[in-house]
Amino acid sequence: MSNIAVFVRSRYSPLAVVSYVNSTSTITWQLIENSTNKNFYVYGSGQSWSYGWNALSDRRLKQNINTIPNALSKVLQLRGVTYNFIPRDTSAFYKKTRMGLIAQEVLKVAPEVVNMGQDSLYGIEYGNLVGLLVEAIKAQNSRIDSLATALSDCCNRNHERNQKPGQDTGSSPNNSPNNQQQGTPNQLQSPSNPQQGILYQNNPNPFSQTTTINCFIPEQSNSSSLMVFDMSGSLKRTIPITGKDNQSIVINGSELVAGMYLYTLIIDNKEIDTKKMILTQ
C-alpha cells in the first residue's frame, strides 16, 4: 500500500485529503488540477475507501431552493441495471458485476446529477439522487393514502348495500348481519337475484394464519376468479373458482407478508366487487 497526501485550499478553509491506494501495476491514480476552472480531480482505476464522506449541504451556501417537481414520474423513467466494466486487463476489478444506472439515460431525466469529466466520460452524483427518491416516496405514499381512503369508502358503501332492510339485529350471534355476511357456504342465503355474483367480507378479519372468503357464483357464468392485490396495486394471487353457487376460498397468511390487501371477485371478465383484508404478524 502507498500513502498519497493531497492538500487543497478552498475559499472556506484549507482541506487535507489523504488516500491509501493499492500501488500494483493494474491500479493507477491521477491527481489533476484544472487551471481554467480551478477544479480538482482524482481519477482512479481501483477502489477507494473511507470511514465517511460528507458533501457540503448547509442552507447558508444555497439559493434558489425549490422542492423537486414530478419526482415520482422521474423515478419511474429511470432504469436500474447490472453491468460489468469493459476490461482493460485481467484483474478481478473488471470481473465483478455491479449495480447502478446509465449516465446517458439519467441525463435525459435528471441532468442535475450528471457531469462530464475532462476525458469526456459521464459520471453520476449518486448521493444527490437521494432528494429525488425522497420526494418520489412521499408522492407514492400520498397516492397510497388516497387509494386506501377511497377503498375504505367503497367497502363501507358495499357493506351498507349488502345489508337487508329490516334484518334482525338481535343479540343472537347467528342472526347478526356480520355473521350472515361472513358465514360458511351452507349458512349463506342465496341472493334474491341468482344471476348476480356476490363477494362477502373475509372471516376472520384481521387474521394471522388463515382466513376464508365466501362468494356466490351464478349458474350461468362461464368463468370466475378471485384476485388479491397489495395496496400499491401489485397483483399477488389469482385464484380460479371452478364451482357455482356459494363458494369458499381459504387464504393462507404464510403466503403473504403482513399488511393490508384488496381482493376482487371477477366473473366473466367483469369486476363484481372489491373488499379489503388485513394480515397481521
C-alpha atoms as a PDB file:
ATOM      1  CA  MET A   1       0.000   0.000   0.000  1.00  0.00           C
ATOM      2  CA  SER A   2       1.205   3.545  -0.730  1.00  0.00           C
ATOM      3  CA  ASN A   3       0.265   6.763   1.032  1.00  0.00           C
ATOM      4  CA  ILE A   4      -0.681   9.768  -1.116  1.00  0.00           C
ATOM      5  CA  ALA A   5      -1.353  13.019   0.686  1.00  0.00           C
ATOM      6  CA  VAL A   6      -3.052  15.798  -1.283  1.00  0.00           C
ATOM      7  CA  PHE A   7      -3.582  19.289   0.131  1.00  0.00           C
ATOM      8  CA  VAL A   8      -6.247  21.513  -1.399  1.00  0.00           C
ATOM      9  CA  ARG A   9      -7.138  25.022  -0.276  1.00  0.00           C
ATOM     10  CA  SER A  10     -10.743  26.156  -0.679  1.00  0.00           C
ATOM     11  CA  ARG A  11     -12.261  29.592  -0.173  1.00  0.00           C
ATOM     12  CA  TYR A  12     -13.650  28.479   3.187  1.00  0.00           C
ATOM     13  CA  SER A  13     -10.849  26.560   4.817  1.00  0.00           C
ATOM     14  CA  PRO A  14      -7.716  24.555   3.990  1.00  0.00           C
ATOM     15  CA  LEU A  15      -8.532  20.909   3.381  1.00  0.00           C
ATOM     16  CA  ALA A  16      -6.292  17.846   3.594  1.00  0.00           C
ATOM     17  CA  VAL A  17      -7.183  14.728   1.674  1.00  0.00           C
ATOM     18  CA  VAL A  18      -5.259  11.526   2.340  1.00  0.00           C
ATOM     19  CA  SER A  19      -5.720   8.364   0.273  1.00  0.00           C
ATOM     20  CA  TYR A  20      -4.234   4.924   0.775  1.00  0.00           C
ATOM     21  CA  VAL A  21      -4.208   3.152  -2.560  1.00  0.00           C
ATOM     22  CA  ASN A  22      -3.023  -0.161  -3.867  1.00  0.00           C
ATOM     23  CA  SER A  23       0.141   0.509  -5.850  1.00  0.00           C
ATOM     24  CA  THR A  24       0.057  -2.585  -8.081  1.00  0.00           C
ATOM     25  CA  SER A  25       0.601  -2.236 -11.802  1.00  0.00           C
ATOM     26  CA  THR A  26      -3.102  -2.733 -12.576  1.00  0.00           C
ATOM     27  CA  ILE A  27      -4.351   0.186 -10.497  1.00  0.00           C
ATOM     28  CA  THR A  28      -3.444   3.780 -11.291  1.00  0.00           C
ATOM     29  CA  TRP A  29      -4.381   7.099  -9.750  1.00  0.00           C
ATOM     30  CA  GLN A  30      -4.085  10.574 -11.255  1.00  0.00           C
ATOM     31  CA  LEU A  31      -4.306  13.877  -9.423  1.00  0.00           C
ATOM     32  CA  ILE A  32      -5.336  16.677 -11.788  1.00  0.00           C
ATOM     33  CA  GLU A  33      -5.875  20.387 -11.242  1.00  0.00           C
ATOM     34  CA  ASN A  34      -7.764  22.223 -13.953  1.00  0.00           C
ATOM     35  CA  SER A  35      -6.164  25.651 -14.023  1.00  0.00           C
ATOM     36  CA  THR A  36      -9.038  27.045 -16.097  1.00  0.00           C
ATOM     37  CA  ASN A  37     -11.922  26.422 -13.714  1.00  0.00           C
ATOM     38  CA  LYS A  38      -9.813  25.627 -10.632  1.00  0.00           C
ATOM     39  CA  ASN A  39     -11.485  22.223 -10.251  1.00  0.00           C
ATOM     40  CA  PHE A  40      -9.565  19.403  -8.638  1.00  0.00           C
ATOM     41  CA  TYR A  41      -9.931  15.824  -9.930  1.00  0.00           C
ATOM     42  CA  VAL A  42      -8.872  12.424  -8.655  1.00  0.00           C
ATOM     43  CA  TYR A  43      -9.006   9.707 -11.312  1.00  0.00           C
ATOM     44  CA  GLY A  44      -8.514   6.098 -10.336  1.00  0.00           C
ATOM     45  CA  SER A  45      -8.976   2.628 -11.760  1.00  0.00           C
ATOM     46  CA  GLY A  46      -9.288   0.963  -8.353  1.00  0.00           C
ATOM     47  CA  GLN A  47     -11.475   1.065  -5.247  1.00  0.00           C
ATOM     48  CA  SER A  48     -11.438   3.981  -2.815  1.00  0.00           C
ATOM     49  CA  TRP A  49     -12.320   3.523   0.843  1.00  0.00           C
ATOM     50  CA  SER A  50     -13.252   5.882   3.638  1.00  0.00           C
ATOM     51  CA  TYR A  51     -14.836   5.899   7.068  1.00  0.00           C
ATOM     52  CA  GLY A  52     -17.242   8.505   5.735  1.00  0.00           C
ATOM     53  CA  TRP A  53     -17.776  11.188   3.126  1.00  0.00           C
ATOM     54  CA  ASN A  54     -19.539  14.467   3.693  1.00  0.00           C
ATOM     55  CA  ALA A  55     -20.889  16.727   0.959  1.00  0.00           C
ATOM     56  CA  LEU A  56     -21.461  20.360   1.838  1.00  0.00           C
ATOM     57  CA  SER A  57     -25.224  20.856   2.237  1.00  0.00           C
ATOM     58  CA  ASP A  58     -25.517  23.856   4.537  1.00  0.00           C
ATOM     59  CA  ARG A  59     -28.537  26.017   3.725  1.00  0.00           C
ATOM     60  CA  ARG A  60     -26.317  29.103   4.091  1.00  0.00           C
ATOM     61  CA  LEU A  61     -24.423  28.053   0.973  1.00  0.00           C
ATOM     62  CA  LYS A  62     -27.543  27.630  -1.198  1.00  0.00           C
ATOM     63  CA  GLN A  63     -30.005  29.766  -3.070  1.00  0.00           C
ATOM     64  CA  ASN A  64     -32.930  29.157  -5.440  1.00  0.00           C
ATOM     65  CA  ILE A  65     -34.115  26.281  -3.236  1.00  0.00           C
ATOM     66  CA  ASN A  66     -37.184  24.507  -4.645  1.00  0.00           C
ATOM     67  CA  THR A  67     -38.913  21.184  -3.964  1.00  0.00           C
ATOM     68  CA  ILE A  68     -38.216  18.721  -6.782  1.00  0.00           C
ATOM     69  CA  PRO A  69     -41.282  18.617  -9.086  1.00  0.00           C
ATOM     70  CA  ASN A  70     -42.720  15.435 -10.653  1.00  0.00           C
ATOM     71  CA  ALA A  71     -40.301  13.296  -8.631  1.00  0.00           C
ATOM     72  CA  LEU A  72     -42.276  10.053  -8.927  1.00  0.00           C
ATOM     73  CA  SER A  73     -42.637  10.449 -12.681  1.00  0.00           C
ATOM     74  CA  LYS A  74     -38.888  10.974 -12.999  1.00  0.00           C
ATOM     75  CA  VAL A  75     -38.022   7.935 -10.883  1.00  0.00           C
ATOM     76  CA  LEU A  76     -40.341   5.761 -12.960  1.00  0.00           C
ATOM     77  CA  GLN A  77     -38.373   6.778 -16.056  1.00  0.00           C
ATOM     78  CA  LEU A  78     -35.064   5.619 -14.568  1.00  0.00           C
ATOM     79  CA  ARG A  79     -33.741   2.130 -15.199  1.00  0.00           C
ATOM     80  CA  GLY A  80     -31.711   0.218 -12.652  1.00  0.00           C
ATOM     81  CA  VAL A  81     -29.165  -2.081 -14.287  1.00  0.00           C
ATOM     82  CA  THR A  82     -26.447  -4.576 -13.504  1.00  0.00           C
ATOM     83  CA  TYR A  83     -23.257  -4.397 -15.545  1.00  0.00           C
ATOM     84  CA  ASN A  84     -19.557  -5.126 -15.849  1.00  0.00           C
ATOM     85  CA  PHE A  85     -16.903  -2.602 -16.816  1.00  0.00           C
ATOM     86  CA  ILE A  86     -15.272  -3.243 -20.178  1.00  0.00           C
ATOM     87  CA  PRO A  87     -11.999  -4.986 -19.201  1.00  0.00           C
ATOM     88  CA  ARG A  88      -8.667  -3.318 -19.772  1.00  0.00           C
ATOM     89  CA  ASP A  89      -6.721  -6.120 -18.152  1.00  0.00           C
ATOM     90  CA  THR A  90      -7.350  -9.455 -16.415  1.00  0.00           C
ATOM     91  CA  SER A  91      -7.769  -8.104 -12.881  1.00  0.00           C
ATOM     92  CA  ALA A  92     -10.724  -9.085 -10.691  1.00  0.00           C
ATOM     93  CA  PHE A  93     -11.904  -5.470 -10.749  1.00  0.00           C
ATOM     94  CA  TYR A  94     -13.415  -5.940 -14.204  1.00  0.00           C
ATOM     95  CA  LYS A  95     -14.954  -9.327 -13.407  1.00  0.00           C
ATOM     96  CA  LYS A  96     -17.174  -8.004 -10.612  1.00  0.00           C
ATOM     97  CA  THR A  97     -20.849  -7.482 -11.545  1.00  0.00           C
ATOM     98  CA  ARG A  98     -22.047  -4.085 -10.384  1.00  0.00           C
ATOM     99  CA  MET A  99     -25.361  -2.325  -9.928  1.00  0.00           C
ATOM    100  CA  GLY A 100     -26.342   1.209 -10.822  1.00  0.00           C
ATOM    101  CA  LEU A 101     -27.638   3.486 -13.566  1.00  0.00           C
ATOM    102  CA  ILE A 102     -26.540   4.537 -17.052  1.00  0.00           C
ATOM    103  CA  ALA A 103     -25.418   8.178 -17.086  1.00  0.00           C
ATOM    104  CA  GLN A 104     -26.741   8.900 -20.594  1.00  0.00           C
ATOM    105  CA  GLU A 105     -30.203   7.648 -19.550  1.00  0.00           C
ATOM    106  CA  VAL A 106     -30.175   9.652 -16.314  1.00  0.00           C
ATOM    107  CA  LEU A 107     -29.094  12.746 -18.273  1.00  0.00           C
ATOM    108  CA  LYS A 108     -32.479  12.750 -20.059  1.00  0.00           C
ATOM    109  CA  VAL A 109     -34.425  12.599 -16.783  1.00  0.00           C
ATOM    110  CA  ALA A 110     -32.296  14.260 -14.097  1.00  0.00           C
ATOM    111  CA  PRO A 111     -29.462  16.194 -15.751  1.00  0.00           C
ATOM    112  CA  GLU A 112     -28.744  17.906 -12.421  1.00  0.00           C
ATOM    113  CA  VAL A 113     -26.868  14.810 -11.174  1.00  0.00           C
ATOM    114  CA  VAL A 114     -24.863  14.032 -14.331  1.00  0.00           C
ATOM    115  CA  ASN A 115     -21.429  15.517 -15.038  1.00  0.00           C
ATOM    116  CA  MET A 116     -18.821  15.097 -17.755  1.00  0.00           C
ATOM    117  CA  GLY A 117     -15.161  14.717 -16.835  1.00  0.00           C
ATOM    118  CA  GLN A 118     -12.095  16.001 -18.658  1.00  0.00           C
ATOM    119  CA  ASP A 119     -11.931  12.700 -20.551  1.00  0.00           C
ATOM    120  CA  SER A 120     -15.490  13.284 -21.887  1.00  0.00           C
ATOM    121  CA  LEU A 121     -16.805  10.388 -19.804  1.00  0.00           C
ATOM    122  CA  TYR A 122     -20.049  10.872 -17.878  1.00  0.00           C
ATOM    123  CA  GLY A 123     -20.391  10.411 -14.136  1.00  0.00           C
ATOM    124  CA  ILE A 124     -23.399  10.415 -11.789  1.00  0.00           C
ATOM    125  CA  GLU A 125     -23.634  12.115  -8.412  1.00  0.00           C
ATOM    126  CA  TYR A 126     -25.465   9.152  -6.852  1.00  0.00           C
ATOM    127  CA  GLY A 127     -25.706  10.842  -3.468  1.00  0.00           C
ATOM    128  CA  ASN A 128     -27.693  13.720  -4.949  1.00  0.00           C
ATOM    129  CA  LEU A 129     -30.348  11.297  -6.169  1.00  0.00           C
ATOM    130  CA  VAL A 130     -31.487  10.963  -2.539  1.00  0.00           C
ATOM    131  CA  GLY A 131     -33.529  14.163  -2.819  1.00  0.00           C
ATOM    132  CA  LEU A 132     -35.329  12.831  -5.882  1.00  0.00           C
ATOM    133  CA  LEU A 133     -36.052   9.486  -4.189  1.00  0.00           C
ATOM    134  CA  VAL A 134     -37.343  11.182  -1.009  1.00  0.00           C
ATOM    135  CA  GLU A 135     -39.873  13.261  -2.950  1.00  0.00           C
ATOM    136  CA  ALA A 136     -40.869  10.241  -5.061  1.00  0.00           C
ATOM    137  CA  ILE A 137     -41.563   8.142  -1.951  1.00  0.00           C
ATOM    138  CA  LYS A 138     -43.650  10.968  -0.461  1.00  0.00           C
ATOM    139  CA  ALA A 139     -45.676  11.224  -3.682  1.00  0.00           C
ATOM    140  CA  GLN A 140     -46.170   7.448  -3.778  1.00  0.00           C
ATOM    141  CA  ASN A 141     -47.262   7.392  -0.142  1.00  0.00           C
ATOM    142  CA  SER A 142     -49.770  10.174  -0.818  1.00  0.00           C
ATOM    143  CA  ARG A 143     -51.259   8.108  -3.646  1.00  0.00           C
ATOM    144  CA  ILE A 144     -51.474   5.030  -1.425  1.00  0.00           C
ATOM    145  CA  ASP A 145     -53.206   7.005   1.324  1.00  0.00           C
ATOM    146  CA  SER A 146     -55.720   8.395  -1.184  1.00  0.00           C
ATOM    147  CA  LEU A 147     -56.342   4.920  -2.587  1.00  0.00           C
ATOM    148  CA  ALA A 148     -56.792   3.432   0.876  1.00  0.00           C
ATOM    149  CA  THR A 149     -59.333   6.143   1.771  1.00  0.00           C
ATOM    150  CA  ALA A 150     -61.256   5.630  -1.462  1.00  0.00           C
ATOM    151  CA  LEU A 151     -61.284   1.865  -0.994  1.00  0.00           C
ATOM    152  CA  SER A 152     -62.406   2.178   2.602  1.00  0.00           C
ATOM    153  CA  ASP A 153     -65.315   4.371   1.489  1.00  0.00           C
ATOM    154  CA  CYS A 154     -66.137   1.877  -1.255  1.00  0.00           C
ATOM    155  CA  CYS A 155     -66.071  -1.056   1.167  1.00  0.00           C
ATOM    156  CA  ASN A 156     -68.341   0.786   3.587  1.00  0.00           C
ATOM    157  CA  ARG A 157     -70.821   1.526   0.818  1.00  0.00           C
ATOM    158  CA  ASN A 158     -70.756  -2.104  -0.290  1.00  0.00           C
ATOM    159  CA  HIS A 159     -71.324  -3.261   3.267  1.00  0.00           C
ATOM    160  CA  GLU A 160     -74.335  -0.972   3.610  1.00  0.00           C
ATOM    161  CA  ARG A 161     -75.653  -2.105   0.240  1.00  0.00           C
ATOM    162  CA  ASN A 162     -75.431  -5.762   1.248  1.00  0.00           C
ATOM    163  CA  GLN A 163     -77.439  -5.173   4.414  1.00  0.00           C
ATOM    164  CA  LYS A 164     -81.099  -6.102   4.002  1.00  0.00           C
ATOM    165  CA  PRO A 165     -83.652  -3.601   5.344  1.00  0.00           C
ATOM    166  CA  GLY A 166     -85.430  -4.853   8.472  1.00  0.00           C
ATOM    167  CA  GLN A 167     -82.879  -7.580   9.103  1.00  0.00           C
ATOM    168  CA  ASP A 168     -82.947  -8.991  12.629  1.00  0.00           C
ATOM    169  CA  THR A 169     -80.112  -7.438  14.621  1.00  0.00           C
ATOM    170  CA  GLY A 170     -80.927  -9.117  17.906  1.00  0.00           C
ATOM    171  CA  SER A 171     -78.431 -10.475  20.370  1.00  0.00           C
ATOM    172  CA  SER A 172     -78.209 -13.904  18.729  1.00  0.00           C
ATOM    173  CA  PRO A 173     -74.764 -14.178  17.039  1.00  0.00           C
ATOM    174  CA  ASN A 174     -76.147 -16.354  14.265  1.00  0.00           C
ATOM    175  CA  ASN A 175     -78.671 -13.667  13.311  1.00  0.00           C
ATOM    176  CA  SER A 176     -76.257 -10.742  13.153  1.00  0.00           C
ATOM    177  CA  PRO A 177     -75.664  -9.152   9.748  1.00  0.00           C
ATOM    178  CA  ASN A 178     -71.928  -9.647  10.169  1.00  0.00           C
ATOM    179  CA  ASN A 179     -72.275 -13.395  10.605  1.00  0.00           C
ATOM    180  CA  GLN A 180     -74.615 -13.671   7.630  1.00  0.00           C
ATOM    181  CA  GLN A 181     -72.021 -11.747   5.642  1.00  0.00           C
ATOM    182  CA  GLN A 182     -69.168 -13.968   6.806  1.00  0.00           C
ATOM    183  CA  GLY A 183     -70.762 -17.387   7.329  1.00  0.00           C
ATOM    184  CA  THR A 184     -69.940 -20.707   5.715  1.00  0.00           C
ATOM    185  CA  PRO A 185     -71.447 -21.560   2.305  1.00  0.00           C
ATOM    186  CA  ASN A 186     -74.176 -23.642   3.954  1.00  0.00           C
ATOM    187  CA  GLN A 187     -75.148 -20.708   6.172  1.00  0.00           C
ATOM    188  CA  LEU A 188     -75.177 -18.124   3.398  1.00  0.00           C
ATOM    189  CA  GLN A 189     -78.530 -17.343   1.892  1.00  0.00           C
ATOM    190  CA  SER A 190     -78.939 -17.405  -1.863  1.00  0.00           C
ATOM    191  CA  PRO A 191     -79.192 -13.901  -3.334  1.00  0.00           C
ATOM    192  CA  SER A 192     -82.564 -12.504  -4.289  1.00  0.00           C
ATOM    193  CA  ASN A 193     -81.243 -12.300  -7.859  1.00  0.00           C
ATOM    194  CA  PRO A 194     -79.391 -15.574  -8.623  1.00  0.00           C
ATOM    195  CA  GLN A 195     -77.958 -14.041 -11.806  1.00  0.00           C
ATOM    196  CA  GLN A 196     -75.726 -11.663  -9.826  1.00  0.00           C
ATOM    197  CA  GLY A 197     -72.425 -12.546  -8.163  1.00  0.00           C
ATOM    198  CA  ILE A 198     -71.735 -11.612  -4.544  1.00  0.00           C
ATOM    199  CA  LEU A 199     -68.457 -11.170  -2.681  1.00  0.00           C
ATOM    200  CA  TYR A 200     -68.541 -11.391   1.122  1.00  0.00           C
ATOM    201  CA  GLN A 201     -66.139  -9.981   3.716  1.00  0.00           C
ATOM    202  CA  ASN A 202     -63.395 -12.416   4.710  1.00  0.00           C
ATOM    203  CA  ASN A 203     -63.602 -14.053   8.124  1.00  0.00           C
ATOM    204  CA  PRO A 204     -61.724 -13.605  10.378  1.00  0.00           C
ATOM    205  CA  ASN A 205     -60.515 -10.118   9.586  1.00  0.00           C
ATOM    206  CA  PRO A 206     -57.868  -9.156  10.588  1.00  0.00           C
ATOM    207  CA  PHE A 207     -56.199 -12.600  10.512  1.00  0.00           C
ATOM    208  CA  SER A 208     -52.742 -14.009  11.214  1.00  0.00           C
ATOM    209  CA  GLN A 209     -52.898 -17.580   9.894  1.00  0.00           C
ATOM    210  CA  THR A 210     -55.841 -18.309   7.595  1.00  0.00           C
ATOM    211  CA  THR A 211     -58.996 -16.520   6.554  1.00  0.00           C
ATOM    212  CA  THR A 212     -61.991 -17.599   4.463  1.00  0.00           C
ATOM    213  CA  ILE A 213     -63.541 -15.576   1.651  1.00  0.00           C
ATOM    214  CA  ASN A 214     -67.072 -16.562   0.643  1.00  0.00           C
ATOM    215  CA  CYS A 215     -68.746 -15.632  -2.610  1.00  0.00           C
ATOM    216  CA  PHE A 216     -71.748 -16.512  -4.747  1.00  0.00           C
ATOM    217  CA  ILE A 217     -71.159 -17.526  -8.390  1.00  0.00           C
ATOM    218  CA  PRO A 218     -74.219 -17.534 -10.729  1.00  0.00           C
ATOM    219  CA  GLU A 219     -75.014 -20.774 -12.509  1.00  0.00           C
ATOM    220  CA  GLN A 220     -74.989 -19.141 -15.946  1.00  0.00           C
ATOM    221  CA  SER A 221     -71.463 -17.688 -15.530  1.00  0.00           C
ATOM    222  CA  ASN A 222     -68.634 -19.037 -17.689  1.00  0.00           C
ATOM    223  CA  SER A 223     -65.540 -18.139 -15.671  1.00  0.00           C
ATOM    224  CA  SER A 224     -64.753 -16.661 -12.281  1.00  0.00           C
ATOM    225  CA  SER A 225     -61.706 -15.947 -10.161  1.00  0.00           C
ATOM    226  CA  LEU A 226     -60.539 -14.120  -7.048  1.00  0.00           C
ATOM    227  CA  MET A 227     -57.651 -11.668  -7.407  1.00  0.00           C
ATOM    228  CA  VAL A 228     -55.572 -10.461  -4.446  1.00  0.00           C
ATOM    229  CA  PHE A 229     -53.666  -7.152  -4.654  1.00  0.00           C
ATOM    230  CA  ASP A 230     -51.409  -5.302  -2.258  1.00  0.00           C
ATOM    231  CA  MET A 231     -52.095  -1.636  -1.525  1.00  0.00           C
ATOM    232  CA  SER A 232     -49.728  -0.487  -4.276  1.00  0.00           C
ATOM    233  CA  GLY A 233     -51.882  -2.307  -6.842  1.00  0.00           C
ATOM    234  CA  SER A 234     -49.484  -5.198  -7.433  1.00  0.00           C
ATOM    235  CA  LEU A 235     -51.256  -8.495  -8.165  1.00  0.00           C
ATOM    236  CA  LYS A 236     -50.206 -11.112  -5.604  1.00  0.00           C
ATOM    237  CA  ARG A 237     -52.501 -14.057  -6.331  1.00  0.00           C
ATOM    238  CA  THR A 238     -55.100 -15.140  -8.847  1.00  0.00           C
ATOM    239  CA  ILE A 239     -57.327 -17.951  -7.587  1.00  0.00           C
ATOM    240  CA  PRO A 240     -59.594 -19.677 -10.159  1.00  0.00           C
ATOM    241  CA  ILE A 241     -63.102 -20.525  -8.921  1.00  0.00           C
ATOM    242  CA  THR A 242     -64.446 -23.610 -10.666  1.00  0.00           C
ATOM    243  CA  GLY A 243     -67.692 -24.148  -8.727  1.00  0.00           C
ATOM    244  CA  LYS A 244     -71.048 -22.360  -8.824  1.00  0.00           C
ATOM    245  CA  ASP A 245     -73.463 -21.013  -6.185  1.00  0.00           C
ATOM    246  CA  ASN A 246     -71.913 -20.469  -2.729  1.00  0.00           C
ATOM    247  CA  GLN A 247     -68.133 -20.945  -2.754  1.00  0.00           C
ATOM    248  CA  SER A 248     -65.342 -20.586  -0.180  1.00  0.00           C
ATOM    249  CA  ILE A 249     -61.698 -19.661  -0.747  1.00  0.00           C
ATOM    250  CA  VAL A 250     -59.131 -20.071   2.036  1.00  0.00           C
ATOM    251  CA  ILE A 251     -56.242 -17.602   2.119  1.00  0.00           C
ATOM    252  CA  ASN A 252     -53.086 -18.810   3.874  1.00  0.00           C
ATOM    253  CA  GLY A 253     -51.326 -15.973   5.672  1.00  0.00           C
ATOM    254  CA  SER A 254     -47.921 -17.664   5.277  1.00  0.00           C
ATOM    255  CA  GLU A 255     -48.118 -16.995   1.527  1.00  0.00           C
ATOM    256  CA  LEU A 256     -48.253 -13.209   2.065  1.00  0.00           C
ATOM    257  CA  VAL A 257     -46.420 -10.618   4.136  1.00  0.00           C
ATOM    258  CA  ALA A 258     -48.204  -8.720   6.885  1.00  0.00           C
ATOM    259  CA  GLY A 259     -50.196  -5.759   5.638  1.00  0.00           C
ATOM    260  CA  MET A 260     -53.457  -4.634   4.057  1.00  0.00           C
ATOM    261  CA  TYR A 261     -54.722  -6.306   0.881  1.00  0.00           C
ATOM    262  CA  LEU A 262     -57.576  -5.933  -1.581  1.00  0.00           C
ATOM    263  CA  TYR A 263     -59.415  -8.893  -3.034  1.00  0.00           C
ATOM    264  CA  THR A 264     -61.648  -8.669  -6.089  1.00  0.00           C
ATOM    265  CA  LEU A 265     -64.232 -11.085  -7.482  1.00  0.00           C
ATOM    266  CA  ILE A 266     -64.097 -11.351 -11.276  1.00  0.00           C
ATOM    267  CA  ILE A 267     -66.927 -13.084 -13.158  1.00  0.00           C
ATOM    268  CA  ASP A 268     -66.813 -13.352 -16.952  1.00  0.00           C
ATOM    269  CA  ASN A 269     -64.034 -10.727 -17.067  1.00  0.00           C
ATOM    270  CA  LYS A 270     -66.108  -8.199 -15.089  1.00  0.00           C
ATOM    271  CA  GLU A 271     -65.302  -6.837 -11.626  1.00  0.00           C
ATOM    272  CA  ILE A 272     -68.160  -7.730  -9.283  1.00  0.00           C
ATOM    273  CA  ASP A 273     -66.875  -6.292  -6.023  1.00  0.00           C
ATOM    274  CA  THR A 274     -63.696  -5.450  -4.096  1.00  0.00           C
ATOM    275  CA  LYS A 275     -63.066  -5.678  -0.359  1.00  0.00           C
ATOM    276  CA  LYS A 276     -60.058  -5.314   1.878  1.00  0.00           C
ATOM    277  CA  MET A 277     -58.477  -7.662   4.391  1.00  0.00           C
ATOM    278  CA  ILE A 278     -55.694  -7.218   6.931  1.00  0.00           C
ATOM    279  CA  LEU A 279     -52.962  -9.765   7.634  1.00  0.00           C
ATOM    280  CA  THR A 280     -51.204  -9.281  10.990  1.00  0.00           C
ATOM    281  CA  GLN A 281     -47.877 -10.652  12.140  1.00  0.00           C
END
